[in-house]
Protein backbone atom coordinates (compact mmCIF):
# COMPACT_ATOMS: atom_id res chain seq x y z
CA MET A 1 57.62 67.92 -80.66
CA ASP A 2 59.98 69.65 -83.08
CA GLN A 3 59.96 72.85 -81.03
CA LEU A 4 60.56 70.95 -77.79
CA LEU A 5 63.43 68.95 -79.28
CA ALA A 6 65.02 72.12 -80.69
CA ALA A 7 64.89 73.72 -77.24
CA LEU A 8 66.39 70.66 -75.58
CA ARG A 9 69.19 70.42 -78.14
CA ALA A 10 69.97 74.13 -77.73
CA ALA A 11 70.20 73.85 -73.95
CA ALA A 12 72.17 70.57 -73.94
CA GLU A 13 75.61 72.23 -73.86
CA PRO A 14 77.45 73.49 -70.76
CA THR A 15 77.99 77.10 -71.83
CA ARG A 16 74.46 77.48 -73.16
CA LEU A 17 72.98 76.08 -69.96
CA ARG A 18 75.08 78.59 -67.98
CA LEU A 19 73.82 81.37 -70.26
CA LEU A 20 70.23 80.34 -69.59
CA ALA A 21 70.84 80.42 -65.84
CA LEU A 22 72.41 83.88 -66.04
CA CYS A 23 69.73 85.38 -68.29
CA ALA A 24 67.07 84.08 -65.92
CA GLU A 25 68.49 86.52 -63.36
CA GLY A 26 67.92 89.62 -65.50
CA GLU A 27 68.77 91.41 -68.74
CA LEU A 28 72.43 91.10 -69.72
CA THR A 29 74.56 92.32 -72.64
CA VAL A 30 77.00 90.20 -74.63
CA SER A 31 79.94 92.01 -73.06
CA GLU A 32 78.61 91.36 -69.55
CA LEU A 33 78.05 87.69 -70.34
CA THR A 34 81.52 87.46 -71.87
CA ASP A 35 83.00 88.96 -68.70
CA ILE A 36 81.12 86.50 -66.49
CA LEU A 37 81.88 83.38 -68.53
CA GLY A 38 85.48 84.28 -69.40
CA GLN A 39 84.96 83.29 -73.05
CA SER A 40 85.43 85.16 -76.31
CA GLN A 41 82.66 87.41 -77.56
CA PRO A 42 82.21 85.58 -80.91
CA ARG A 43 81.79 82.27 -79.10
CA VAL A 44 79.29 83.68 -76.61
CA SER A 45 77.40 85.39 -79.43
CA ARG A 46 77.07 82.09 -81.33
CA HIS A 47 75.65 80.37 -78.25
CA LEU A 48 73.20 83.22 -77.69
CA LYS A 49 72.07 83.03 -81.31
CA LEU A 50 71.24 79.33 -80.95
CA LEU A 51 69.32 79.92 -77.73
CA CYS A 52 67.30 82.71 -79.34
CA GLU A 53 66.52 80.62 -82.40
CA ALA A 54 65.26 77.85 -80.10
CA GLY A 55 62.93 80.30 -78.36
CA LEU A 56 64.71 80.05 -74.99
CA LEU A 57 66.04 83.63 -74.91
CA ASP A 58 64.66 86.98 -76.03
CA ARG A 59 66.99 89.47 -77.72
CA PHE A 60 66.33 93.21 -77.86
CA ARG A 61 68.31 96.27 -78.89
CA GLU A 62 68.83 99.41 -76.84
CA ALA A 63 70.69 102.04 -78.92
CA ASN A 64 74.11 100.41 -79.63
CA TRP A 65 73.63 97.70 -77.03
CA VAL A 66 71.89 94.33 -77.29
CA PHE A 67 70.36 92.69 -74.21
CA TYR A 68 69.34 89.08 -73.62
CA ARG A 69 66.75 87.74 -71.20
CA LEU A 70 64.99 84.44 -70.56
CA ALA A 71 62.11 84.21 -73.04
CA ARG A 72 58.70 85.14 -71.71
CA GLY A 73 55.74 82.85 -72.21
CA GLY A 74 56.37 79.70 -74.21
CA ASP A 75 56.07 76.20 -72.80
CA GLY A 76 58.29 76.64 -69.73
CA VAL A 77 61.08 74.36 -70.98
CA ALA A 78 63.79 76.76 -69.82
CA GLU A 79 62.29 77.07 -66.32
CA HIS A 80 62.09 73.27 -65.96
CA LEU A 81 65.70 72.84 -67.03
CA LEU A 82 66.94 75.58 -64.71
CA ALA A 83 65.07 74.04 -61.77
CA MET A 84 67.12 70.87 -62.29
CA ILE A 85 70.51 72.58 -61.92
CA PRO A 86 71.94 71.79 -58.46
CA ALA A 87 72.07 74.98 -56.39
CA GLU A 88 75.51 74.02 -55.03
CA ASP A 89 77.08 73.47 -58.47
CA PRO A 90 80.49 75.25 -58.26
CA VAL A 91 80.41 76.57 -61.84
CA VAL A 92 76.96 78.10 -61.42
CA ALA A 93 77.94 79.51 -58.02
CA LEU A 94 80.98 81.24 -59.55
CA ASP A 95 78.84 82.61 -62.38
CA ARG A 96 76.48 84.10 -59.82
CA GLU A 97 79.36 85.72 -57.94
CA ARG A 98 80.53 87.36 -61.16
CA LEU A 99 76.95 88.34 -61.99
CA ASP A 100 76.69 90.08 -58.61
CA ARG A 101 79.82 92.04 -59.53
CA VAL A 102 78.19 93.15 -62.80
CA LYS A 103 75.06 94.23 -60.94
CA ARG A 104 77.12 96.21 -58.43
CA ARG A 105 78.83 98.06 -61.28
CA ARG A 106 75.45 98.87 -62.80
CA ALA A 107 74.10 100.06 -59.48
CA ALA A 108 77.12 102.31 -58.93
CA ALA A 109 76.75 103.89 -62.38
CA ALA A 110 73.02 104.41 -61.84
CA GLU A 111 73.61 105.96 -58.43
CA ALA A 112 76.17 108.36 -59.89
CA TYR A 113 73.73 109.49 -62.58
CA PHE A 114 70.92 109.85 -60.07
CA ARG A 115 73.15 111.78 -57.66
CA ALA A 116 74.13 114.21 -60.42
CA ASN A 117 70.48 114.99 -61.15
CA ALA A 118 68.88 114.52 -57.75
CA LYS A 119 69.05 118.20 -56.78
CA ASP A 120 66.79 119.23 -59.68
CA TRP A 121 64.38 116.34 -59.13
CA ASP A 122 64.16 117.10 -55.40
CA ARG A 123 63.31 120.72 -56.15
CA ILE A 124 60.39 119.68 -58.38
CA ARG A 125 59.17 117.03 -55.92
CA SER A 126 59.02 119.64 -53.15
CA LEU A 127 56.38 121.54 -55.14
CA HIS A 128 53.77 118.79 -55.18
CA ILE A 129 52.25 116.12 -52.97
CA ASP A 130 54.41 113.26 -51.70
CA GLU A 131 55.04 110.68 -54.42
CA ARG A 132 53.86 107.94 -52.08
CA ASP A 133 50.40 109.49 -52.10
CA VAL A 134 50.44 109.59 -55.90
CA GLU A 135 51.52 105.95 -56.00
CA ALA A 136 48.75 104.96 -53.58
CA ALA A 137 46.18 106.73 -55.75
CA LEU A 138 47.52 104.99 -58.87
CA VAL A 139 47.33 101.58 -57.21
CA ALA A 140 43.78 102.32 -56.01
CA LEU A 141 42.63 103.23 -59.53
CA LEU A 142 43.88 99.92 -60.93
CA ALA A 143 43.33 97.62 -57.96
CA ASP A 144 39.77 96.51 -58.70
CA GLU A 145 40.62 94.35 -61.73
CA PRO A 146 43.41 91.81 -62.36
CA ILE A 147 46.25 92.89 -64.66
CA ASP A 148 48.23 90.35 -66.66
CA ASP A 149 50.28 92.83 -68.70
CA LEU A 150 51.09 96.42 -67.73
CA LEU A 151 52.99 99.03 -69.76
CA ASP A 152 54.70 102.05 -68.17
CA ILE A 153 55.46 104.71 -70.81
CA GLY A 154 58.42 106.91 -69.92
CA THR A 155 59.39 104.64 -67.04
CA GLY A 156 62.31 106.81 -65.87
CA THR A 157 63.69 105.29 -62.67
CA GLY A 158 61.28 102.35 -62.97
CA ARG A 159 59.40 103.39 -59.85
CA VAL A 160 55.93 102.68 -61.29
CA LEU A 161 57.09 99.20 -62.29
CA GLU A 162 58.48 98.63 -58.81
CA VAL A 163 55.20 99.70 -57.19
CA MET A 164 53.02 97.65 -59.53
CA ALA A 165 55.22 94.53 -59.77
CA PRO A 166 53.50 92.64 -56.90
CA ARG A 167 50.09 93.40 -58.43
CA VAL A 168 50.62 92.28 -62.05
CA GLU A 169 51.76 89.16 -63.86
CA ARG A 170 54.13 91.00 -66.20
CA ALA A 171 55.18 94.62 -66.65
CA LEU A 172 57.17 96.47 -69.29
CA GLY A 173 58.72 99.93 -68.99
CA ILE A 174 59.58 102.06 -72.03
CA ASP A 175 61.96 105.04 -72.05
CA LEU A 176 64.07 106.85 -74.66
CA SER A 177 66.95 107.63 -72.30
CA ARG A 178 69.60 104.93 -71.92
CA GLU A 179 70.80 106.66 -68.75
CA MET A 180 67.36 106.38 -67.19
CA LEU A 181 67.02 102.79 -68.34
CA ALA A 182 70.27 102.01 -66.52
CA VAL A 183 68.81 103.55 -63.36
CA ALA A 184 65.56 101.59 -63.80
CA ARG A 185 67.39 98.33 -64.44
CA ALA A 186 69.45 98.73 -61.26
CA ASN A 187 66.40 99.67 -59.18
CA LEU A 188 64.34 96.72 -60.43
CA GLU A 189 67.18 94.29 -59.78
CA ARG A 190 67.55 95.68 -56.26
CA ALA A 191 63.79 95.29 -55.69
CA GLY A 192 63.75 91.73 -57.04
CA ALA A 193 61.05 92.66 -59.58
CA ARG A 194 61.80 89.79 -61.94
CA ASN A 195 58.41 90.01 -63.65
CA CYS A 196 59.38 93.46 -64.99
CA ALA A 197 61.35 94.28 -68.13
CA ILE A 198 62.47 97.55 -69.67
CA ARG A 199 63.05 98.56 -73.28
CA GLN A 200 64.24 101.63 -75.12
CA GLY A 201 61.37 103.04 -77.12
CA ASP A 202 59.46 106.08 -78.32
CA MET A 203 56.06 106.91 -76.82
CA TYR A 204 54.82 107.85 -80.31
CA GLN A 205 55.87 104.46 -81.76
CA LEU A 206 55.67 101.91 -78.99
CA PRO A 207 57.62 98.69 -79.60
CA ALA A 208 54.57 96.54 -78.91
CA PRO A 209 51.76 95.00 -80.98
CA SER A 210 48.23 96.34 -80.81
CA ALA A 211 45.94 95.12 -78.02
CA SER A 212 48.76 93.64 -75.93
CA PHE A 213 48.29 95.28 -72.49
CA ASP A 214 45.55 95.32 -69.86
CA ALA A 215 46.75 98.62 -68.39
CA VAL A 216 48.99 101.48 -69.52
CA VAL A 217 50.45 104.21 -67.29
CA ILE A 218 51.87 107.54 -68.46
CA HIS A 219 53.32 109.01 -65.27
CA GLN A 220 54.77 112.56 -65.30
CA VAL A 221 55.74 112.25 -68.96
CA LEU A 222 53.06 114.01 -70.98
CA HIS A 223 54.28 117.50 -70.08
CA TYR A 224 57.44 116.75 -72.10
CA ALA A 225 55.45 115.73 -75.19
CA GLU A 226 55.13 117.91 -78.27
CA ARG A 227 52.07 115.89 -79.30
CA PRO A 228 50.34 114.66 -76.14
CA GLY A 229 47.22 113.60 -78.04
CA ARG A 230 49.26 111.34 -80.29
CA ALA A 231 51.00 109.78 -77.27
CA ILE A 232 47.60 108.96 -75.76
CA ALA A 233 46.39 107.56 -79.09
CA GLU A 234 49.44 105.29 -79.25
CA ALA A 235 48.80 104.14 -75.68
CA ALA A 236 45.19 103.38 -76.66
CA ARG A 237 46.43 101.29 -79.62
CA VAL A 238 48.27 98.83 -77.38
CA LEU A 239 45.39 98.48 -74.91
CA ARG A 240 43.25 95.36 -75.03
CA PRO A 241 39.46 95.76 -75.11
CA GLY A 242 38.44 96.61 -71.58
CA GLY A 243 41.95 97.83 -70.81
CA ARG A 244 42.64 101.00 -68.83
CA LEU A 245 44.91 104.01 -69.28
CA VAL A 246 46.07 106.15 -66.36
CA VAL A 247 47.72 109.50 -67.09
CA ALA A 248 49.36 111.19 -64.09
CA ASP A 249 50.52 114.76 -64.64
CA PHE A 250 50.14 118.33 -63.41
CA ALA A 251 47.06 120.54 -63.51
CA PRO A 252 47.62 123.90 -65.25
CA HIS A 253 50.17 126.10 -63.40
CA GLU A 254 52.40 129.12 -63.99
CA LEU A 255 55.83 127.86 -62.90
CA GLU A 256 57.70 129.02 -66.00
CA PHE A 257 61.07 127.78 -64.72
CA LEU A 258 59.88 124.21 -65.37
CA ARG A 259 59.73 125.09 -69.06
CA THR A 260 62.96 127.09 -69.25
CA GLU A 261 65.11 124.94 -66.93
CA HIS A 262 63.56 121.46 -67.13
CA ALA A 263 62.27 121.20 -70.71
CA HIS A 264 58.59 120.98 -69.78
CA ARG A 265 56.76 121.75 -73.01
CA ARG A 266 53.41 122.09 -71.27
CA LEU A 267 52.71 123.78 -67.94
CA GLY A 268 50.05 121.27 -66.95
CA PHE A 269 46.81 120.07 -68.52
CA ALA A 270 43.16 120.88 -67.94
CA ASP A 271 40.80 117.98 -67.24
CA GLY A 272 38.81 118.66 -70.40
CA GLU A 273 41.92 118.57 -72.60
CA ILE A 274 43.12 115.17 -71.41
CA MET A 275 39.60 113.75 -71.51
CA GLU A 276 39.14 114.96 -75.06
CA PHE A 277 42.45 113.35 -76.08
CA CYS A 278 41.13 110.10 -74.60
CA ARG A 279 37.81 110.32 -76.42
CA GLU A 280 39.57 111.01 -79.72
CA ALA A 281 41.64 107.85 -79.11
CA GLY A 282 38.49 105.77 -78.61
CA LEU A 283 38.71 105.69 -74.82
CA THR A 284 35.97 106.49 -72.33
CA PRO A 285 37.25 108.85 -69.61
CA ARG A 286 36.29 108.56 -65.96
CA LYS A 287 36.29 111.13 -63.19
CA PRO A 288 39.85 112.40 -62.56
CA VAL A 289 41.54 112.36 -59.14
CA HIS A 290 43.09 115.66 -57.97
CA LEU A 291 45.95 115.66 -55.43
CA PRO A 292 46.83 119.28 -54.45
CA GLY A 293 50.38 120.04 -53.28
CA ASN A 294 52.36 123.13 -52.29
CA GLU A 295 52.40 124.80 -55.71
CA LEU A 296 51.48 121.98 -58.09
CA THR A 297 48.42 119.75 -58.24
CA VAL A 298 48.94 116.22 -59.51
CA VAL A 299 45.96 114.81 -61.42
CA LEU A 300 45.30 111.18 -62.33
CA TRP A 301 43.06 110.74 -65.35
CA LEU A 302 41.57 107.26 -65.93
CA ALA A 303 40.08 106.08 -69.23
CA ARG A 304 38.92 102.70 -70.52
CA LYS A 305 39.03 101.07 -73.93
CA GLU A 306 35.56 99.61 -74.25
CA SER A 307 35.10 96.05 -75.45
CA ALA A 308 33.61 95.29 -78.86
CA ALA A 309 30.31 94.47 -77.19
CA ARG A 310 30.23 97.91 -75.59
CA PRO A 311 31.30 100.62 -78.05
CA PRO A 312 32.69 103.97 -76.81
CA LEU A 313 30.05 106.42 -75.61
CA PRO A 314 29.25 109.51 -77.65
CA ALA A 315 31.15 112.58 -76.55
CA HIS A 316 28.24 114.09 -74.59
CA ASP A 317 27.59 110.82 -72.72
CA ALA A 318 31.29 110.39 -71.99
CA ARG A 319 31.31 113.81 -70.36
CA GLU A 320 28.46 112.72 -68.13
CA VAL A 321 30.36 109.57 -67.11
CA ALA A 322 33.43 111.65 -66.34
CA ARG A 323 31.43 113.82 -63.97
């Protein structure tokens, strides 16, 4: 009762109700909300603080920026209140017009960044199989079991989140680059993937509690890692018992320009190396999927975190399973 009353009191104010409606549409900064509402930043910040304390909004930091979003989970008070707002309300309609303007600015900035880097990305993509085939293989690996919570490590443009959004209850993308997060945020908004969120974070220290995801994807990220085994171990930490990890990366190759011009620390990975990383992290590897391309072969390695009732297989048995 106390929690419910606190939430109702927090929402029972015109500006705070408008803030709830806006944050239900996506992740917004204080400056963006100030621009939309036409109010001072200190005033907007005070309202946001009250909404966060009442559990109606989530607050998270991304470098020097702070984003707000409708709280996930909880008792659904915010959703019930928002459903009661008349769709034709003129104040809410104006807020949405201004929100669309903010989203257009974001999309333009993301497009400019993508355009500046697209030439290099296109060159790499031409060396391997079509990304749509990789995405189809990823979906097929994870399609046989329901997924409540999915984590995409090194989300980049957010493409994995976009592909998986219709197939999961919730998804979170992590990336260190604020520029790439801006691209991902714009892409997810354009796709209407409202069950997806993105956060700035390090793959070696994921901003998530242990055993909090049913599936984790590391897509075309591990070749940048100085410590790929540690990245896999951290992914295993946040998997629930029975959860699955999919690593998508290149098989060993000799394209040295990827190291010198594109900061690839590793020129691909052998099956045995990735599978050993998985075993060391307490995961049981399965048979990898190989997708040959022009000069690069993309490999998808699948591994499972066994439940307490079924401990990880010994190394020699795990190798048999993988075959």
